[in-house]
PDB file of N, CA and C in Angstrom:
ATOM      1  N   MET A   1     104.666 103.321  90.645  1.00  0.00           N
ATOM      2  CA  MET A   1     103.416 103.925  90.322  1.00  0.00           C
ATOM      3  C   MET A   1     103.371 104.090  88.798  1.00  0.00           C
ATOM      4  N   LEU A   2     102.331 103.556  88.209  1.00  0.00           N
ATOM      5  CA  LEU A   2     102.226 103.579  86.787  1.00  0.00           C
ATOM      6  C   LEU A   2     101.745 104.983  86.327  1.00  0.00           C
ATOM      7  N   LEU A   3     102.485 105.602  85.302  1.00  0.00           N
ATOM      8  CA  LEU A   3     102.132 106.930  84.854  1.00  0.00           C
ATOM      9  C   LEU A   3     101.391 106.898  83.562  1.00  0.00           C
ATOM     10  N   ALA A   4     101.701 105.986  82.615  1.00  0.00           N
ATOM     11  CA  ALA A   4     101.049 105.915  81.323  1.00  0.00           C
ATOM     12  C   ALA A   4     101.155 104.510  80.791  1.00  0.00           C
ATOM     13  N   ARG A   5     100.347 104.130  79.845  1.00  0.00           N
ATOM     14  CA  ARG A   5     100.348 102.813  79.291  1.00  0.00           C
ATOM     15  C   ARG A   5      99.749 102.953  77.860  1.00  0.00           C
ATOM     16  N   LEU A   6     100.339 102.171  77.021  1.00  0.00           N
ATOM     17  CA  LEU A   6      99.734 102.038  75.641  1.00  0.00           C
ATOM     18  C   LEU A   6      98.770 100.864  75.542  1.00  0.00           C
ATOM     19  N   ASP A   7      97.562 101.070  74.822  1.00  0.00           N
ATOM     20  CA  ASP A   7      96.815  99.928  74.628  1.00  0.00           C
ATOM     21  C   ASP A   7      97.189  99.155  73.417  1.00  0.00           C
ATOM     22  N   SER A   8      96.434  98.149  73.079  1.00  0.00           N
ATOM     23  CA  SER A   8      96.795  97.288  71.889  1.00  0.00           C
ATOM     24  C   SER A   8      96.757  98.050  70.611  1.00  0.00           C
ATOM     25  N   THR A   9      96.092  99.175  70.521  1.00  0.00           N
ATOM     26  CA  THR A   9      95.918  99.904  69.254  1.00  0.00           C
ATOM     27  C   THR A   9      97.034 101.029  69.244  1.00  0.00           C
ATOM     28  N   GLY A  10      97.771 101.140  70.227  1.00  0.00           N
ATOM     29  CA  GLY A  10      98.812 102.157  70.289  1.00  0.00           C
ATOM     30  C   GLY A  10      98.324 103.508  70.995  1.00  0.00           C
ATOM     31  N   ARG A  11      97.106 103.556  71.434  1.00  0.00           N
ATOM     32  CA  ARG A  11      96.714 104.855  72.068  1.00  0.00           C
ATOM     33  C   ARG A  11      97.393 104.946  73.495  1.00  0.00           C
ATOM     34  N   LYS A  12      97.669 106.173  73.872  1.00  0.00           N
ATOM     35  CA  LYS A  12      98.422 106.288  75.145  1.00  0.00           C
ATOM     36  C   LYS A  12      97.409 106.715  76.214  1.00  0.00           C
ATOM     37  N   PHE A  13      97.333 106.159  77.393  1.00  0.00           N
ATOM     38  CA  PHE A  13      96.476 106.532  78.457  1.00  0.00           C
ATOM     39  C   PHE A  13      97.371 106.990  79.603  1.00  0.00           C
ATOM     40  N   TYR A  14      96.927 107.967  80.343  1.00  0.00           N
ATOM     41  CA  TYR A  14      97.620 108.494  81.498  1.00  0.00           C
ATOM     42  C   TYR A  14      96.902 108.184  82.740  1.00  0.00           C
ATOM     43  N   TYR A  15      97.644 107.846  83.803  1.00  0.00           N
ATOM     44  CA  TYR A  15      97.099 107.516  85.078  1.00  0.00           C
ATOM     45  C   TYR A  15      97.244 108.664  86.006  1.00  0.00           C
ATOM     46  N   HIS A  16      96.168 108.965  86.800  1.00  0.00           N
ATOM     47  CA  HIS A  16      96.065 110.010  87.665  1.00  0.00           C
ATOM     48  C   HIS A  16      95.883 109.476  89.047  1.00  0.00           C
ATOM     49  N   HIS A  17      96.711 109.915  90.106  1.00  0.00           N
ATOM     50  CA  HIS A  17      96.785 109.427  91.402  1.00  0.00           C
ATOM     51  C   HIS A  17      96.418 110.377  92.588  1.00  0.00           C
ATOM     52  N   ASP A  18      95.960 109.806  93.715  1.00  0.00           N
ATOM     53  CA  ASP A  18      95.692 110.683  94.849  1.00  0.00           C
ATOM     54  C   ASP A  18      96.994 110.733  95.675  1.00  0.00           C
ATOM     55  N   ALA A  19      96.880 111.337  96.891  1.00  0.00           N
ATOM     56  CA  ALA A  19      97.956 111.428  97.839  1.00  0.00           C
ATOM     57  C   ALA A  19      98.637 110.026  98.257  1.00  0.00           C
ATOM     58  N   LEU A  20      97.937 109.076  98.170  1.00  0.00           N
ATOM     59  CA  LEU A  20      98.344 107.687  98.556  1.00  0.00           C
ATOM     60  C   LEU A  20      99.001 106.948  97.390  1.00  0.00           C
ATOM     61  N   GLY A  21      98.831 107.493  96.238  1.00  0.00           N
ATOM     62  CA  GLY A  21      99.297 106.846  95.063  1.00  0.00           C
ATOM     63  C   GLY A  21      98.270 105.985  94.321  1.00  0.00           C
ATOM     64  N   SER A  22      97.042 106.002  94.927  1.00  0.00           N
ATOM     65  CA  SER A  22      95.997 105.295  94.354  1.00  0.00           C
ATOM     66  C   SER A  22      95.557 105.815  92.948  1.00  0.00           C
ATOM     67  N   THR A  23      95.279 104.894  92.010  1.00  0.00           N
ATOM     68  CA  THR A  23      94.710 105.345  90.735  1.00  0.00           C
ATOM     69  C   THR A  23      93.296 105.785  90.934  1.00  0.00           C
ATOM     70  N   ILE A  24      93.010 107.105  90.526  1.00  0.00           N
ATOM     71  CA  ILE A  24      91.733 107.735  90.715  1.00  0.00           C
ATOM     72  C   ILE A  24      91.191 107.993  89.411  1.00  0.00           C
ATOM     73  N   GLY A  25      92.000 108.036  88.290  1.00  0.00           N
ATOM     74  CA  GLY A  25      91.456 108.244  86.964  1.00  0.00           C
ATOM     75  C   GLY A  25      92.386 107.889  85.932  1.00  0.00           C
ATOM     76  N   ILE A  26      91.865 107.700  84.703  1.00  0.00           N
ATOM     77  CA  ILE A  26      92.668 107.380  83.489  1.00  0.00           C
ATOM     78  C   ILE A  26      92.147 108.318  82.367  1.00  0.00           C
ATOM     79  N   SER A  27      93.101 108.990  81.705  1.00  0.00           N
ATOM     80  CA  SER A  27      92.644 109.887  80.597  1.00  0.00           C
ATOM     81  C   SER A  27      93.478 109.579  79.467  1.00  0.00           C
ATOM     82  N   ASP A  28      93.075 110.063  78.254  1.00  0.00           N
ATOM     83  CA  ASP A  28      93.761 109.905  76.966  1.00  0.00           C
ATOM     84  C   ASP A  28      94.583 111.244  76.791  1.00  0.00           C
ATOM     85  N   SER A  29      95.423 111.231  75.659  1.00  0.00           N
ATOM     86  CA  SER A  29      96.214 112.347  75.291  1.00  0.00           C
ATOM     87  C   SER A  29      95.504 113.715  75.074  1.00  0.00           C
ATOM     88  N   ASN A  30      94.071 113.611  74.870  1.00  0.00           N
ATOM     89  CA  ASN A  30      93.339 114.781  74.676  1.00  0.00           C
ATOM     90  C   ASN A  30      92.665 115.178  76.018  1.00  0.00           C
ATOM     91  N   TYR A  31      93.119 114.614  77.072  1.00  0.00           N
ATOM     92  CA  TYR A  31      92.711 114.904  78.495  1.00  0.00           C
ATOM     93  C   TYR A  31      91.147 114.465  78.635  1.00  0.00           C
ATOM     94  N   ALA A  32      90.639 113.624  77.838  1.00  0.00           N
ATOM     95  CA  ALA A  32      89.367 113.094  78.089  1.00  0.00           C
ATOM     96  C   ALA A  32      89.433 111.925  79.175  1.00  0.00           C
ATOM     97  N   VAL A  33      88.559 112.058  80.096  1.00  0.00           N
ATOM     98  CA  VAL A  33      88.655 110.973  81.216  1.00  0.00           C
ATOM     99  C   VAL A  33      87.940 109.826  80.744  1.00  0.00           C
ATOM    100  N   TYR A  34      88.637 108.690  80.813  1.00  0.00           N
ATOM    101  CA  TYR A  34      88.177 107.352  80.261  1.00  0.00           C
ATOM    102  C   TYR A  34      87.641 106.569  81.426  1.00  0.00           C
ATOM    103  N   LYS A  35      88.314 106.633  82.633  1.00  0.00           N
ATOM    104  CA  LYS A  35      87.853 105.831  83.715  1.00  0.00           C
ATOM    105  C   LYS A  35      88.183 106.505  84.978  1.00  0.00           C
ATOM    106  N   SER A  36      87.274 106.373  86.016  1.00  0.00           N
ATOM    107  CA  SER A  36      87.406 106.893  87.376  1.00  0.00           C
ATOM    108  C   SER A  36      87.218 105.814  88.367  1.00  0.00           C
ATOM    109  N   TYR A  37      88.007 105.945  89.475  1.00  0.00           N
ATOM    110  CA  TYR A  37      87.915 104.878  90.529  1.00  0.00           C
ATOM    111  C   TYR A  37      87.637 105.612  91.927  1.00  0.00           C
ATOM    112  N   LEU A  38      86.987 104.880  92.783  1.00  0.00           N
ATOM    113  CA  LEU A  38      86.681 105.294  94.150  1.00  0.00           C
ATOM    114  C   LEU A  38      86.905 104.220  95.076  1.00  0.00           C
ATOM    115  N   TYR A  39      87.539 104.465  96.235  1.00  0.00           N
ATOM    116  CA  TYR A  39      87.856 103.458  97.178  1.00  0.00           C
ATOM    117  C   TYR A  39      87.371 103.834  98.596  1.00  0.00           C
ATOM    118  N   ASP A  40      87.194 102.789  99.446  1.00  0.00           N
ATOM    119  CA  ASP A  40      86.920 103.168 100.873  1.00  0.00           C
ATOM    120  C   ASP A  40      88.324 103.262 101.568  1.00  0.00           C
ATOM    121  N   GLU A  41      88.311 103.452 102.906  1.00  0.00           N
ATOM    122  CA  GLU A  41      89.525 103.652 103.683  1.00  0.00           C
ATOM    123  C   GLU A  41      90.508 102.476 103.753  1.00  0.00           C
ATOM    124  N   PHE A  42      89.911 101.303 103.393  1.00  0.00           N
ATOM    125  CA  PHE A  42      90.781 100.032 103.430  1.00  0.00           C
ATOM    126  C   PHE A  42      91.133  99.599 101.939  1.00  0.00           C
ATOM    127  N   GLY A  43      90.776 100.311 101.059  1.00  0.00           N
ATOM    128  CA  GLY A  43      91.210 100.003  99.642  1.00  0.00           C
ATOM    129  C   GLY A  43      90.163  99.260  98.846  1.00  0.00           C
ATOM    130  N   ASP A  44      88.996  98.956  99.424  1.00  0.00           N
ATOM    131  CA  ASP A  44      87.895  98.246  98.709  1.00  0.00           C
ATOM    132  C   ASP A  44      87.334  99.168  97.762  1.00  0.00           C
ATOM    133  N   SER A  45      87.035  98.642  96.644  1.00  0.00           N
ATOM    134  CA  SER A  45      86.553  99.511  95.446  1.00  0.00           C
ATOM    135  C   SER A  45      85.050  99.778  95.795  1.00  0.00           C
ATOM    136  N   LEU A  46      84.735 101.200  95.699  1.00  0.00           N
ATOM    137  CA  LEU A  46      83.337 101.611  95.731  1.00  0.00           C
ATOM    138  C   LEU A  46      82.805 101.880  94.429  1.00  0.00           C
ATOM    139  N   GLY A  47      83.585 101.699  93.459  1.00  0.00           N
ATOM    140  CA  GLY A  47      83.058 101.839  92.023  1.00  0.00           C
ATOM    141  C   GLY A  47      84.231 102.257  91.095  1.00  0.00           C
ATOM    142  N   ALA A  48      83.979 101.847  89.878  1.00  0.00           N
ATOM    143  CA  ALA A  48      84.952 102.147  88.730  1.00  0.00           C
ATOM    144  C   ALA A  48      83.946 102.482  87.463  1.00  0.00           C
ATOM    145  N   TRP A  49      84.228 103.733  86.940  1.00  0.00           N
ATOM    146  CA  TRP A  49      83.300 104.119  85.909  1.00  0.00           C
ATOM    147  C   TRP A  49      84.170 104.366  84.625  1.00  0.00           C
ATOM    148  N   GLY A  50      83.705 103.906  83.502  1.00  0.00           N
ATOM    149  CA  GLY A  50      84.309 104.185  82.261  1.00  0.00           C
ATOM    150  C   GLY A  50      84.608 102.909  81.409  1.00  0.00           C
ATOM    151  N   PRO A  51      84.867 103.149  80.197  1.00  0.00           N
ATOM    152  CA  PRO A  51      85.069 101.996  79.311  1.00  0.00           C
ATOM    153  C   PRO A  51      86.390 101.495  78.924  1.00  0.00           C
ATOM    154  N   THR A  52      87.527 102.045  79.668  1.00  0.00           N
ATOM    155  CA  THR A  52      88.834 101.643  79.325  1.00  0.00           C
ATOM    156  C   THR A  52      89.062 100.178  79.603  1.00  0.00           C
ATOM    157  N   PRO A  53      90.099  99.598  79.156  1.00  0.00           N
ATOM    158  CA  PRO A  53      90.547  98.197  79.369  1.00  0.00           C
ATOM    159  C   PRO A  53      90.753  98.128  80.827  1.00  0.00           C
ATOM    160  N   TYR A  54      90.640  96.822  81.271  1.00  0.00           N
ATOM    161  CA  TYR A  54      90.861  96.419  82.636  1.00  0.00           C
ATOM    162  C   TYR A  54      92.202  97.032  83.209  1.00  0.00           C
ATOM    163  N   ASN A  55      92.208  97.649  84.214  1.00  0.00           N
ATOM    164  CA  ASN A  55      93.391  98.130  84.923  1.00  0.00           C
ATOM    165  C   ASN A  55      93.720  97.363  86.228  1.00  0.00           C
ATOM    166  N   THR A  56      94.937  96.864  86.243  1.00  0.00           N
ATOM    167  CA  THR A  56      95.300  96.151  87.373  1.00  0.00           C
ATOM    168  C   THR A  56      95.996  96.998  88.573  1.00  0.00           C
ATOM    169  N   TYR A  57      96.363  98.205  88.329  1.00  0.00           N
ATOM    170  CA  TYR A  57      97.015  99.012  89.255  1.00  0.00           C
ATOM    171  C   TYR A  57      96.032  99.990  89.915  1.00  0.00           C
ATOM    172  N   ARG A  58      95.749  99.763  91.095  1.00  0.00           N
ATOM    173  CA  ARG A  58      94.562 100.497  91.756  1.00  0.00           C
ATOM    174  C   ARG A  58      95.070 101.200  93.095  1.00  0.00           C
ATOM    175  N   TYR A  59      94.594 100.608  94.217  1.00  0.00           N
ATOM    176  CA  TYR A  59      94.731 101.241  95.541  1.00  0.00           C
ATOM    177  C   TYR A  59      96.212 101.370  95.903  1.00  0.00           C
ATOM    178  N   THR A  60      96.605 102.482  96.297  1.00  0.00           N
ATOM    179  CA  THR A  60      98.067 102.877  96.582  1.00  0.00           C
ATOM    180  C   THR A  60      98.988 102.388  95.452  1.00  0.00           C
ATOM    181  N   GLY A  61      98.465 102.303  94.265  1.00  0.00           N
ATOM    182  CA  GLY A  61      99.276 101.971  93.102  1.00  0.00           C
ATOM    183  C   GLY A  61      99.698 100.469  93.005  1.00  0.00           C
ATOM    184  N   GLN A  62      99.110  99.617  93.828  1.00  0.00           N
ATOM    185  CA  GLN A  62      99.405  98.235  93.897  1.00  0.00           C
ATOM    186  C   GLN A  62      98.695  97.420  92.951  1.00  0.00           C
ATOM    187  N   GLU A  63      99.087  96.261  92.611  1.00  0.00           N
ATOM    188  CA  GLU A  63      98.555  95.346  91.677  1.00  0.00           C
ATOM    189  C   GLU A  63      97.358  94.583  92.214  1.00  0.00           C
ATOM    190  N   TYR A  64      96.200  94.801  91.544  1.00  0.00           N
ATOM    191  CA  TYR A  64      94.954  94.212  91.941  1.00  0.00           C
ATOM    192  C   TYR A  64      94.809  92.955  91.220  1.00  0.00           C
ATOM    193  N   ASP A  65      94.578  91.750  91.864  1.00  0.00           N
ATOM    194  CA  ASP A  65      94.626  90.447  91.098  1.00  0.00           C
ATOM    195  C   ASP A  65      93.332  90.045  90.479  1.00  0.00           C
ATOM    196  N   GLY A  66      92.159  90.718  90.945  1.00  0.00           N
ATOM    197  CA  GLY A  66      90.829  90.447  90.335  1.00  0.00           C
ATOM    198  C   GLY A  66      90.361  89.030  90.562  1.00  0.00           C
ATOM    199  N   LYS A  67      90.991  88.235  91.274  1.00  0.00           N
ATOM    200  CA  LYS A  67      90.571  86.864  91.573  1.00  0.00           C
ATOM    201  C   LYS A  67      89.287  86.950  92.594  1.00  0.00           C
ATOM    202  N   PRO A  68      88.682  85.890  92.709  1.00  0.00           N
ATOM    203  CA  PRO A  68      87.493  85.919  93.672  1.00  0.00           C
ATOM    204  C   PRO A  68      87.789  86.471  94.976  1.00  0.00           C
ATOM    205  N   ALA A  69      88.961  86.400  95.545  1.00  0.00           N
ATOM    206  CA  ALA A  69      89.285  86.882  96.853  1.00  0.00           C
ATOM    207  C   ALA A  69      89.579  88.406  96.892  1.00  0.00           C
ATOM    208  N   TYR A  70      89.785  88.944  95.632  1.00  0.00           N
ATOM    209  CA  TYR A  70      89.950  90.315  95.527  1.00  0.00           C
ATOM    210  C   TYR A  70      91.141  90.894  96.323  1.00  0.00           C
ATOM    211  N   ALA A  71      92.335  90.539  96.070  1.00  0.00           N
ATOM    212  CA  ALA A  71      93.449  90.988  96.899  1.00  0.00           C
ATOM    213  C   ALA A  71      94.505  91.724  96.022  1.00  0.00           C
ATOM    214  N   TYR A  72      95.242  92.525  96.866  1.00  0.00           N
ATOM    215  CA  TYR A  72      96.302  93.339  96.182  1.00  0.00           C
ATOM    216  C   TYR A  72      97.655  92.671  96.524  1.00  0.00           C
ATOM    217  N   ASN A  73      98.339  92.362  95.448  1.00  0.00           N
ATOM    218  CA  ASN A  73      99.682  91.754  95.544  1.00  0.00           C
ATOM    219  C   ASN A  73     100.653  92.729  95.956  1.00  0.00           C
ATOM    220  N   LEU A  74     101.147  92.752  97.297  1.00  0.00           N
ATOM    221  CA  LEU A  74     102.180  93.563  97.759  1.00  0.00           C
ATOM    222  C   LEU A  74     103.496  92.986  97.771  1.00  0.00           C
ATOM    223  N   ARG A  75     103.788  91.992  96.854  1.00  0.00           N
ATOM    224  CA  ARG A  75     105.023  91.321  96.709  1.00  0.00           C
ATOM    225  C   ARG A  75     105.235  90.266  97.819  1.00  0.00           C
ATOM    226  N   ALA A  76     105.452  90.620  99.014  1.00  0.00           N
ATOM    227  CA  ALA A  76     105.724  89.721 100.111  1.00  0.00           C
ATOM    228  C   ALA A  76     104.482  88.988 100.665  1.00  0.00           C
ATOM    229  N   ARG A  77     103.317  89.585 100.498  1.00  0.00           N
ATOM    230  CA  ARG A  77     102.113  88.959 100.865  1.00  0.00           C
ATOM    231  C   ARG A  77     100.916  89.787 100.221  1.00  0.00           C
ATOM    232  N   GLU A  78      99.779  89.182 100.375  1.00  0.00           N
ATOM    233  CA  GLU A  78      98.571  89.848  99.828  1.00  0.00           C
ATOM    234  C   GLU A  78      97.691  90.621 100.859  1.00  0.00           C
ATOM    235  N   TYR A  79      97.014  91.685 100.432  1.00  0.00           N
ATOM    236  CA  TYR A  79      96.266  92.501 101.228  1.00  0.00           C
ATOM    237  C   TYR A  79      94.842  92.292 100.689  1.00  0.00           C
ATOM    238  N   TYR A  80      93.874  92.062 101.664  1.00  0.00           N
ATOM    239  CA  TYR A  80      92.469  91.830 101.287  1.00  0.00           C
ATOM    240  C   TYR A  80      91.727  93.060 101.835  1.00  0.00           C
ATOM    241  N   PRO A  81      91.327  93.941 100.940  1.00  0.00           N
ATOM    242  CA  PRO A  81      90.628  95.176 101.310  1.00  0.00           C
ATOM    243  C   PRO A  81      89.210  94.954 101.985  1.00  0.00           C
ATOM    244  N   LYS A  82      88.486  93.919 101.615  1.00  0.00           N
ATOM    245  CA  LYS A  82      87.227  93.669 102.231  1.00  0.00           C
ATOM    246  C   LYS A  82      87.407  93.204 103.755  1.00  0.00           C
ATOM    247  N   LEU A  83      88.573  92.696 104.103  1.00  0.00           N
ATOM    248  CA  LEU A  83      88.745  92.358 105.444  1.00  0.00           C
ATOM    249  C   LEU A  83      89.655  93.499 106.134  1.00  0.00           C
ATOM    250  N   GLY A  84      90.178  94.273 105.263  1.00  0.00           N
ATOM    251  CA  GLY A  84      91.074  95.321 105.860  1.00  0.00           C
ATOM    252  C   GLY A  84      92.418  94.782 106.506  1.00  0.00           C
ATOM    253  N   ARG A  85      92.862  93.729 106.006  1.00  0.00           N
ATOM    254  CA  ARG A  85      93.975  93.113 106.638  1.00  0.00           C
ATOM    255  C   ARG A  85      94.798  92.286 105.590  1.00  0.00           C
ATOM    256  N   PHE A  86      95.986  91.805 105.961  1.00  0.00           N
ATOM    257  CA  PHE A  86      96.876  90.924 105.212  1.00  0.00           C
ATOM    258  C   PHE A  86      96.323  89.547 105.291  1.00  0.00           C
ATOM    259  N   GLY A  87      96.607  88.714 104.438  1.00  0.00           N
ATOM    260  CA  GLY A  87      96.229  87.236 104.374  1.00  0.00           C
ATOM    261  C   GLY A  87      97.336  86.350 105.040  1.00  0.00           C
ATOM    262  N   GLN A  88      98.520  86.905 105.170  1.00  0.00           N
ATOM    263  CA  GLN A  88      99.623  86.113 105.767  1.00  0.00           C
ATOM    264  C   GLN A  88     100.260  86.919 106.861  1.00  0.00           C
ATOM    265  N   ASN A  89     101.005  86.231 107.690  1.00  0.00           N
ATOM    266  CA  ASN A  89     101.833  86.974 108.700  1.00  0.00           C
ATOM    267  C   ASN A  89     102.931  87.756 107.996  1.00  0.00           C
ATOM    268  N   ASP A  90     103.527  88.762 108.612  1.00  0.00           N
ATOM    269  CA  ASP A  90     104.544  89.630 108.115  1.00  0.00           C
ATOM    270  C   ASP A  90     105.833  88.568 107.915  1.00  0.00           C
ATOM    271  N   PRO A  91     106.369  88.502 106.747  1.00  0.00           N
ATOM    272  CA  PRO A  91     107.498  87.517 106.531  1.00  0.00           C
ATOM    273  C   PRO A  91     108.712  87.838 107.405  1.00  0.00           C
ATOM    274  N   ILE A  92     108.862  89.090 107.823  1.00  0.00           N
ATOM    275  CA  ILE A  92     110.048  89.451 108.580  1.00  0.00           C
ATOM    276  C   ILE A  92     109.849  89.034 110.142  1.00  0.00           C
ATOM    277  N   GLY A  93     108.505  88.758 110.396  1.00  0.00           N
ATOM    278  CA  GLY A  93     108.210  88.344 111.717  1.00  0.00           C
ATOM    279  C   GLY A  93     108.519  89.360 112.814  1.00  0.00           C
ATOM    280  N   ASP A  94     108.998  88.836 113.945  1.00  0.00           N
ATOM    281  CA  ASP A  94     109.286  89.645 115.146  1.00  0.00           C
ATOM    282  C   ASP A  94     110.632  90.319 114.982  1.00  0.00           C
ATOM    283  N   LYS A  95     111.404  90.025 113.886  1.00  0.00           N
ATOM    284  CA  LYS A  95     112.734  90.710 113.710  1.00  0.00           C
ATOM    285  C   LYS A  95     112.701  92.036 113.079  1.00  0.00           C
ATOM    286  N   GLY A  96     111.513  92.614 112.888  1.00  0.00           N
ATOM    287  CA  GLY A  96     111.266  93.896 112.298  1.00  0.00           C
ATOM    288  C   GLY A  96     111.668  95.058 113.136  1.00  0.00           C
ATOM    289  N   GLY A  97     111.551  96.270 112.673  1.00  0.00           N
ATOM    290  CA  GLY A  97     111.840  97.495 113.360  1.00  0.00           C
ATOM    291  C   GLY A  97     111.011  97.711 114.568  1.00  0.00           C
ATOM    292  N   SER A  98     111.117  98.851 115.128  1.00  0.00           N
ATOM    293  CA  SER A  98     110.335  99.161 116.398  1.00  0.00           C
ATOM    294  C   SER A  98     108.926  99.454 116.003  1.00  0.00           C
TER     295      SER A  98
END
Protein backbone atom coordinates (compact mmCIF):
# COMPACT_ATOMS: atom_id res chain seq x y z
CA MET A 1 0.00 0.00 0.00
CA LEU A 2 1.46 3.31 -1.10
CA LEU A 3 1.59 5.88 1.71
CA ALA A 4 3.39 8.85 0.13
CA ARG A 5 5.02 9.93 -3.12
CA LEU A 6 7.13 12.84 -4.37
CA ASP A 7 6.15 14.49 -7.63
CA SER A 8 8.67 15.77 -10.19
CA THR A 9 8.95 19.12 -8.37
CA GLY A 10 9.69 17.49 -5.00
CA ARG A 11 6.25 18.07 -3.45
CA LYS A 12 5.14 15.26 -1.16
CA PHE A 13 1.65 13.78 -1.53
CA TYR A 14 0.02 11.48 1.03
CA TYR A 15 -2.32 8.63 0.13
CA HIS A 16 -5.47 7.94 2.17
CA HIS A 17 -7.11 4.49 2.12
CA ASP A 18 -10.36 2.83 3.12
CA ALA A 19 -10.71 -0.49 5.00
CA LEU A 20 -9.94 -2.47 1.82
CA GLY A 21 -6.74 -0.52 1.19
CA SER A 22 -8.24 1.36 -1.77
CA THR A 23 -6.90 4.84 -2.42
CA ILE A 24 -9.77 7.22 -1.60
CA GLY A 25 -7.82 10.47 -1.48
CA ILE A 26 -4.49 12.20 -1.96
CA SER A 27 -3.44 15.25 0.06
CA ASP A 28 -0.37 17.45 0.34
CA SER A 29 1.73 18.25 3.42
CA ASN A 30 -0.71 21.08 4.30
CA TYR A 31 -3.61 18.58 4.43
CA ALA A 32 -5.20 20.05 1.31
CA VAL A 33 -7.07 17.33 -0.59
CA TYR A 34 -5.79 17.15 -4.16
CA LYS A 35 -7.65 14.13 -5.46
CA SER A 36 -10.57 11.93 -4.38
CA TYR A 37 -11.63 8.52 -5.72
CA LEU A 38 -14.89 6.57 -5.59
CA TYR A 39 -15.38 2.91 -6.59
CA ASP A 40 -18.28 0.49 -6.96
CA GLU A 41 -18.28 -2.87 -5.16
CA PHE A 42 -16.23 -4.52 -7.94
CA GLY A 43 -13.54 -1.84 -8.11
CA ASP A 44 -14.81 0.03 -11.16
CA SER A 45 -14.16 3.75 -10.89
CA LEU A 46 -17.25 5.87 -10.24
CA GLY A 47 -15.17 9.02 -10.42
CA ALA A 48 -11.89 10.74 -9.64
CA TRP A 49 -11.82 14.42 -8.77
CA GLY A 50 -8.84 16.71 -8.51
CA PRO A 51 -5.77 17.96 -10.38
CA THR A 52 -2.97 15.71 -9.09
CA PRO A 53 -0.82 13.70 -11.47
CA TYR A 54 -2.11 10.36 -12.68
CA ASN A 55 -2.18 7.79 -9.87
CA THR A 56 -1.77 4.11 -10.73
CA TYR A 57 -2.51 2.69 -7.24
CA ARG A 58 -6.26 2.54 -6.74
CA TYR A 59 -8.78 -0.19 -5.78
CA THR A 60 -7.45 -2.34 -2.89
CA GLY A 61 -4.11 -0.58 -3.41
CA GLN A 62 -3.46 -2.48 -6.63
CA GLU A 63 -1.82 -1.06 -9.71
CA TYR A 64 -4.30 0.16 -12.33
CA ASP A 65 -2.90 -0.13 -15.85
CA GLY A 66 -5.16 2.47 -17.53
CA LYS A 67 -5.14 0.49 -20.80
CA PRO A 68 -8.35 0.29 -22.82
CA ALA A 69 -9.34 -2.89 -20.94
CA TYR A 70 -8.99 -1.05 -17.59
CA ALA A 71 -7.49 -3.88 -15.56
CA TYR A 72 -5.75 -4.09 -12.20
CA ASN A 73 -2.41 -5.90 -12.23
CA LEU A 74 -2.55 -8.43 -9.37
CA ARG A 75 0.87 -9.88 -10.23
CA ALA A 76 -0.23 -13.43 -11.17
CA ARG A 77 -3.22 -12.27 -13.25
CA GLU A 78 -5.32 -9.27 -14.16
CA TYR A 79 -8.65 -8.25 -12.62
CA TYR A 80 -11.26 -6.48 -14.77
CA PRO A 81 -13.59 -4.41 -12.57
CA LYS A 82 -16.14 -3.73 -15.33
CA LEU A 83 -16.64 -7.50 -15.57
CA GLY A 84 -16.15 -8.16 -11.86
CA ARG A 85 -13.80 -11.04 -12.63
CA PHE A 86 -10.27 -12.10 -13.46
CA GLY A 87 -9.14 -12.38 -17.06
CA GLN A 88 -7.20 -15.61 -16.55
CA ASN A 89 -7.63 -18.85 -14.63
CA ASP A 90 -6.02 -19.05 -11.20
CA PRO A 91 -2.39 -20.07 -11.89
CA ILE A 92 -2.42 -22.47 -8.94
CA GLY A 93 -5.39 -24.25 -10.51
CA ASP A 94 -7.05 -27.06 -8.56
CA LYS A 95 -4.00 -27.43 -6.31
CA GLY A 96 -5.10 -24.49 -4.12
CA GLY A 97 -6.39 -24.60 -0.58
CA SER A 98 -9.88 -25.50 0.53
